[in-house]
Amino acid sequence: MAITLEEAQENLRIWLEAERAIANAQSYTISNRSLTKANLSEVAKRIAYWENKVTELEMTNKGKRMRRTKQFIPRDC
């Protein structure tokens, strides 16, 4: 099942909201017990994924392809 641009944008919006919520109160401690709501680095990875997906779908809708680059090291034979 292919993801539409609108779905990708909605997922990105949800993850950005999650990041804001976590940043405000990621964890707390009462007495000797602590609670951590979520791993902020994992949320950041999901945000990066959805940002890339939105960009990819926007470019596809415009008839363009994303540039893919590769690095290589030239060697003398």
N, C-alpha and C. Protein backbone atom coordinates (compact mmCIF):
# COMPACT_ATOMS: atom_id res chain seq x y z
N MET A 1 0.84 -1.17 0.00
CA MET A 1 0.00 0.00 0.00
C MET A 1 0.90 1.24 0.00
N ALA A 2 0.71 2.08 -0.96
CA ALA A 2 1.52 3.30 -1.09
C ALA A 2 1.00 4.39 -0.16
N ILE A 3 1.92 5.14 0.36
CA ILE A 3 1.58 6.25 1.26
C ILE A 3 1.38 7.50 0.41
N THR A 4 0.31 8.23 0.69
CA THR A 4 0.06 9.47 -0.03
C THR A 4 0.81 10.62 0.64
N LEU A 5 0.94 11.71 -0.09
CA LEU A 5 1.59 12.89 0.47
C LEU A 5 0.84 13.38 1.70
N GLU A 6 -0.47 13.37 1.65
CA GLU A 6 -1.27 13.84 2.78
C GLU A 6 -1.05 12.97 4.01
N GLU A 7 -0.96 11.65 3.82
CA GLU A 7 -0.70 10.76 4.95
C GLU A 7 0.68 11.01 5.54
N ALA A 8 1.66 11.21 4.69
CA ALA A 8 3.03 11.48 5.15
C ALA A 8 3.08 12.79 5.92
N GLN A 9 2.39 13.82 5.42
CA GLN A 9 2.36 15.11 6.11
C GLN A 9 1.67 14.98 7.47
N GLU A 10 0.61 14.20 7.54
CA GLU A 10 -0.10 13.99 8.80
C GLU A 10 0.79 13.25 9.80
N ASN A 11 1.49 12.22 9.34
CA ASN A 11 2.40 11.48 10.22
C ASN A 11 3.51 12.40 10.73
N LEU A 12 4.04 13.24 9.87
CA LEU A 12 5.07 14.18 10.28
C LEU A 12 4.52 15.13 11.35
N ARG A 13 3.32 15.64 11.13
CA ARG A 13 2.68 16.54 12.09
C ARG A 13 2.52 15.85 13.45
N ILE A 14 2.09 14.60 13.45
CA ILE A 14 1.89 13.84 14.69
C ILE A 14 3.21 13.67 15.44
N TRP A 15 4.28 13.32 14.72
CA TRP A 15 5.58 13.13 15.37
C TRP A 15 6.15 14.45 15.89
N LEU A 16 5.90 15.54 15.18
CA LEU A 16 6.35 16.84 15.68
C LEU A 16 5.61 17.22 16.96
N GLU A 17 4.32 16.92 17.02
CA GLU A 17 3.55 17.17 18.24
C GLU A 17 4.05 16.30 19.39
N ALA A 18 4.38 15.05 19.08
CA ALA A 18 4.91 14.15 20.10
C ALA A 18 6.22 14.68 20.66
N GLU A 19 7.06 15.20 19.77
CA GLU A 19 8.34 15.76 20.21
C GLU A 19 8.12 16.92 21.18
N ARG A 20 7.16 17.79 20.85
CA ARG A 20 6.85 18.92 21.73
C ARG A 20 6.36 18.44 23.10
N ALA A 21 5.48 17.46 23.08
CA ALA A 21 4.93 16.94 24.34
C ALA A 21 6.02 16.31 25.19
N ILE A 22 6.92 15.57 24.56
CA ILE A 22 8.00 14.92 25.30
C ILE A 22 8.97 15.95 25.85
N ALA A 23 9.26 16.97 25.05
CA ALA A 23 10.21 18.00 25.48
C ALA A 23 9.71 18.74 26.72
N ASN A 24 8.40 18.88 26.84
CA ASN A 24 7.84 19.58 28.00
C ASN A 24 7.89 18.76 29.28
N ALA A 25 7.74 17.46 29.16
CA ALA A 25 7.74 16.61 30.36
C ALA A 25 8.13 15.19 29.97
N GLN A 26 9.41 14.99 29.66
CA GLN A 26 9.86 13.67 29.21
C GLN A 26 9.89 12.67 30.36
N SER A 27 10.34 13.10 31.52
CA SER A 27 10.40 12.16 32.64
C SER A 27 10.25 12.91 33.97
N TYR A 28 9.90 12.16 34.97
CA TYR A 28 9.82 12.75 36.30
C TYR A 28 10.09 11.67 37.35
N THR A 29 10.40 12.12 38.55
CA THR A 29 10.71 11.20 39.64
C THR A 29 9.89 11.58 40.86
N ILE A 30 9.31 10.57 41.49
CA ILE A 30 8.60 10.75 42.75
C ILE A 30 9.20 9.75 43.73
N SER A 31 9.72 10.27 44.80
CA SER A 31 10.39 9.44 45.80
C SER A 31 11.52 8.68 45.12
N ASN A 32 11.47 7.35 45.13
CA ASN A 32 12.53 6.58 44.48
C ASN A 32 12.07 5.96 43.16
N ARG A 33 10.93 6.39 42.66
CA ARG A 33 10.41 5.88 41.39
C ARG A 33 10.53 6.94 40.31
N SER A 34 10.85 6.49 39.11
CA SER A 34 10.91 7.45 37.99
C SER A 34 10.16 6.89 36.80
N LEU A 35 9.68 7.79 35.96
CA LEU A 35 8.94 7.42 34.76
C LEU A 35 9.48 8.22 33.59
N THR A 36 9.81 7.52 32.52
CA THR A 36 10.24 8.17 31.29
C THR A 36 9.19 7.87 30.23
N LYS A 37 8.65 8.91 29.62
CA LYS A 37 7.55 8.74 28.67
C LYS A 37 8.01 8.16 27.34
N ALA A 38 9.09 8.67 26.79
CA ALA A 38 9.53 8.20 25.48
C ALA A 38 10.99 8.58 25.27
N ASN A 39 11.59 7.91 24.31
CA ASN A 39 12.97 8.17 23.95
C ASN A 39 12.99 9.26 22.88
N LEU A 40 13.48 10.43 23.24
CA LEU A 40 13.46 11.57 22.33
C LEU A 40 14.29 11.33 21.07
N SER A 41 15.36 10.56 21.17
CA SER A 41 16.18 10.29 19.98
C SER A 41 15.43 9.43 18.98
N GLU A 42 14.60 8.51 19.45
CA GLU A 42 13.79 7.69 18.54
C GLU A 42 12.74 8.55 17.84
N VAL A 43 12.16 9.47 18.57
CA VAL A 43 11.18 10.38 17.97
C VAL A 43 11.86 11.23 16.90
N ALA A 44 13.07 11.69 17.17
CA ALA A 44 13.82 12.49 16.19
C ALA A 44 14.09 11.68 14.92
N LYS A 45 14.37 10.40 15.07
CA LYS A 45 14.58 9.53 13.89
C LYS A 45 13.31 9.43 13.06
N ARG A 46 12.18 9.29 13.72
CA ARG A 46 10.90 9.19 13.00
C ARG A 46 10.57 10.51 12.30
N ILE A 47 10.88 11.62 12.94
CA ILE A 47 10.65 12.93 12.31
C ILE A 47 11.49 13.04 11.05
N ALA A 48 12.76 12.65 11.13
CA ALA A 48 13.64 12.71 9.96
C ALA A 48 13.11 11.81 8.85
N TYR A 49 12.62 10.62 9.22
CA TYR A 49 12.06 9.70 8.22
C TYR A 49 10.88 10.34 7.50
N TRP A 50 9.95 10.92 8.26
CA TRP A 50 8.75 11.49 7.65
C TRP A 50 9.06 12.78 6.88
N GLU A 51 10.05 13.54 7.33
CA GLU A 51 10.47 14.72 6.55
C GLU A 51 10.99 14.29 5.18
N ASN A 52 11.81 13.24 5.17
CA ASN A 52 12.34 12.73 3.91
C ASN A 52 11.23 12.18 3.02
N LYS A 53 10.28 11.48 3.62
CA LYS A 53 9.17 10.91 2.87
C LYS A 53 8.31 12.01 2.25
N VAL A 54 8.03 13.06 3.02
CA VAL A 54 7.24 14.19 2.50
C VAL A 54 7.97 14.83 1.32
N THR A 55 9.26 15.07 1.47
CA THR A 55 10.06 15.67 0.39
C THR A 55 10.04 14.79 -0.84
N GLU A 56 10.22 13.49 -0.64
CA GLU A 56 10.22 12.54 -1.76
C GLU A 56 8.88 12.57 -2.50
N LEU A 57 7.79 12.54 -1.76
CA LEU A 57 6.47 12.54 -2.38
C LEU A 57 6.16 13.87 -3.06
N GLU A 58 6.60 14.98 -2.47
CA GLU A 58 6.40 16.29 -3.11
C GLU A 58 7.14 16.35 -4.44
N MET A 59 8.36 15.85 -4.46
CA MET A 59 9.14 15.87 -5.70
C MET A 59 8.55 14.93 -6.74
N THR A 60 8.05 13.79 -6.29
CA THR A 60 7.42 12.84 -7.21
C THR A 60 6.18 13.47 -7.83
N ASN A 61 5.40 14.19 -7.03
CA ASN A 61 4.20 14.85 -7.54
C ASN A 61 4.54 15.95 -8.53
N LYS A 62 5.75 16.52 -8.41
CA LYS A 62 6.18 17.57 -9.35
C LYS A 62 6.87 16.97 -10.57
N GLY A 63 6.98 15.65 -10.60
CA GLY A 63 7.63 14.99 -11.73
C GLY A 63 9.13 14.96 -11.64
N LYS A 64 9.67 15.18 -10.46
CA LYS A 64 11.12 15.16 -10.26
C LYS A 64 11.49 13.94 -9.44
N ARG A 65 12.73 13.55 -9.55
CA ARG A 65 13.23 12.45 -8.75
C ARG A 65 14.22 12.99 -7.73
N MET A 66 14.27 12.33 -6.60
CA MET A 66 15.23 12.74 -5.57
C MET A 66 16.63 12.36 -6.04
N ARG A 67 17.57 13.22 -5.75
CA ARG A 67 18.96 12.93 -6.08
C ARG A 67 19.53 11.98 -5.05
N ARG A 68 20.17 10.99 -5.56
CA ARG A 68 20.84 10.05 -4.67
C ARG A 68 22.33 10.15 -4.93
N THR A 69 23.07 10.37 -3.91
CA THR A 69 24.51 10.52 -4.08
C THR A 69 25.23 9.36 -3.42
N LYS A 70 26.36 9.04 -3.99
CA LYS A 70 27.21 8.00 -3.43
C LYS A 70 28.62 8.53 -3.38
N GLN A 71 29.33 8.10 -2.40
CA GLN A 71 30.72 8.49 -2.29
C GLN A 71 31.59 7.33 -2.75
N PHE A 72 32.69 7.67 -3.37
CA PHE A 72 33.63 6.62 -3.77
C PHE A 72 35.04 7.16 -3.67
N ILE A 73 35.96 6.25 -3.61
CA ILE A 73 37.37 6.61 -3.53
C ILE A 73 38.05 6.11 -4.80
N PRO A 74 38.56 7.03 -5.62
CA PRO A 74 39.25 6.58 -6.84
C PRO A 74 40.57 5.91 -6.47
N ARG A 75 40.90 4.85 -7.17
CA ARG A 75 42.14 4.12 -6.91
C ARG A 75 42.87 3.87 -8.22
N ASP A 76 44.17 3.93 -8.13
CA ASP A 76 44.99 3.58 -9.29
C ASP A 76 45.10 2.06 -9.34
N CYS A 77 44.98 1.53 -10.53
CA CYS A 77 45.10 0.06 -10.66
C CYS A 77 46.50 -0.35 -10.99
